[in-house]
Every structure is written in structure tokens, then in C-alpha cells.
């Protein structure tokens, strides 16, 4: 399989949630789109690390994949609690 085609396909898949975040004004939809972007970016980092046979880049991809969305979920919880208090 052509590796350039795989990377181009991954970048196109990354552009879909960027378009959705730009189009929609709902905060929750934007947060879901940004979470999807973070996951897809970390998967792209893992693919590059396998192609380059560099495990240090792979470790960074795993850390981003496992910890990156935790901060976004914490922000979502804070926003939900703030909206519950104001209502």
C-alpha cells in the first residue's frame, strides 16, 4: 500500500471534524470535534513512529492519546457544572 496515500487519507479524515467545529456554534459539538482531532492526530503520530521505526515518537503519541482527551473531558465537566449552577 502506498504510504503517501495513507497519510493523505489520514489528513483528509482530520479535516472533517475541523469543518464541523467551524460550522457548528454548539459548544458540545465543538468539544467533540476537538476531541476527535486530538485522537486522529495521535494516531497519525503513531503511524509515523512505526514508519520511521522510532519508539520515542510512539511514546509521545501514546501519551497524547491517553492523557490528551482527559483535559478536554475535565473542561466539559466544568462547563456542565457551571451551566447547572446558573439554571
Protein backbone atom coordinates (compact mmCIF):
# COMPACT_ATOMS: atom_id res chain seq x y z
CA UNK A 1 0.00 0.00 0.00
CA UNK A 2 1.29 3.43 -0.88
CA UNK A 3 2.33 5.25 2.30
CA UNK A 4 1.70 8.69 0.82
CA UNK A 5 -1.89 7.67 0.10
CA UNK A 6 -2.32 6.55 3.71
CA UNK A 7 -1.04 9.88 5.07
CA UNK A 8 -3.20 11.91 2.67
CA UNK A 9 -6.24 9.87 3.71
CA UNK A 10 -5.46 10.49 7.39
CA UNK A 11 -5.11 14.23 6.80
CA UNK A 12 -8.44 14.32 4.94
CA UNK A 13 -10.04 12.43 7.83
CA UNK A 14 -8.57 15.05 10.16
CA UNK A 15 -10.17 17.88 8.18
CA UNK A 16 -13.72 16.55 8.66
CA UNK A 17 -14.01 17.43 12.39
CA UNK A 18 -12.26 20.75 11.77
CA UNK A 19 -15.02 21.62 9.30
CA UNK A 20 -17.70 20.50 11.75
CA UNK A 21 -16.21 22.63 14.54
CA UNK A 22 -16.09 25.64 12.24
CA UNK A 23 -19.66 25.15 11.02
CA UNK A 24 -21.46 24.49 14.33
CA UNK A 25 -21.93 27.03 17.15
CA UNK A 26 -22.82 24.46 19.82
CA UNK A 27 -20.06 24.22 22.44
CA UNK A 28 -20.53 20.48 22.95
CA UNK A 29 -20.23 19.76 19.24
CA UNK A 30 -17.03 21.82 19.10
CA UNK A 31 -15.59 19.91 22.06
CA UNK A 32 -16.42 16.58 20.42
CA UNK A 33 -14.77 17.76 17.21
CA UNK A 34 -11.63 18.84 19.06
CA UNK A 35 -11.51 15.51 20.87
CA UNK A 36 -11.73 13.74 17.53
CA UNK A 37 -8.93 15.91 16.17
CA UNK A 38 -6.70 15.05 19.13
CA UNK A 39 -7.33 11.33 18.73
CA UNK A 40 -6.70 11.35 15.00
CA UNK A 41 -3.53 13.40 15.40
CA UNK A 42 -2.14 10.97 17.96
CA UNK A 43 -2.93 8.03 15.67
CA UNK A 44 -1.08 9.83 12.88
CA UNK A 45 1.90 10.26 15.22
CA UNK A 46 1.82 6.53 15.97
CA UNK A 47 1.77 5.67 12.26
CA UNK A 48 4.74 7.96 11.61
CA UNK A 49 6.64 6.41 14.51
CA UNK A 50 6.08 2.91 13.10
CA UNK A 51 7.15 4.01 9.63
CA UNK A 52 10.31 5.65 10.99
CA UNK A 53 10.93 2.84 13.49
CA UNK A 54 11.33 5.44 16.25
CA UNK A 55 9.80 4.37 19.55
CA UNK A 56 10.32 7.79 21.20
CA UNK A 57 7.82 9.38 18.81
CA UNK A 58 5.49 6.47 19.53
CA UNK A 59 5.68 7.13 23.26
CA UNK A 60 4.65 10.74 22.65
CA UNK A 61 1.72 9.53 20.53
CA UNK A 62 0.58 7.17 23.28
CA UNK A 63 0.80 9.90 25.92
CA UNK A 64 -1.23 12.26 23.75
CA UNK A 65 -3.77 9.52 23.08
CA UNK A 66 -4.19 8.55 26.73
CA UNK A 67 -3.90 11.92 28.51
CA UNK A 68 -4.89 14.44 25.84
CA UNK A 69 -8.63 13.81 25.99
CA UNK A 70 -8.68 13.77 29.79
CA UNK A 71 -8.19 17.54 29.93
CA UNK A 72 -10.96 18.03 27.39
CA UNK A 73 -13.34 15.87 29.42
CA UNK A 74 -12.46 17.84 32.56
CA UNK A 75 -13.29 21.06 30.73
CA UNK A 76 -16.61 19.56 29.57
CA UNK A 77 -17.47 18.61 33.16
CA UNK A 78 -16.64 22.11 34.42
CA UNK A 79 -18.79 23.71 31.72
CA UNK A 80 -21.68 21.37 32.54
CA UNK A 81 -21.45 22.17 36.27
CA UNK A 82 -21.36 25.90 35.52
CA UNK A 83 -24.47 25.65 33.37
CA UNK A 84 -26.23 23.62 36.09
CA UNK A 85 -25.46 26.28 38.71
CA UNK A 86 -26.65 29.16 36.52
CA UNK A 87 -30.03 27.46 35.81
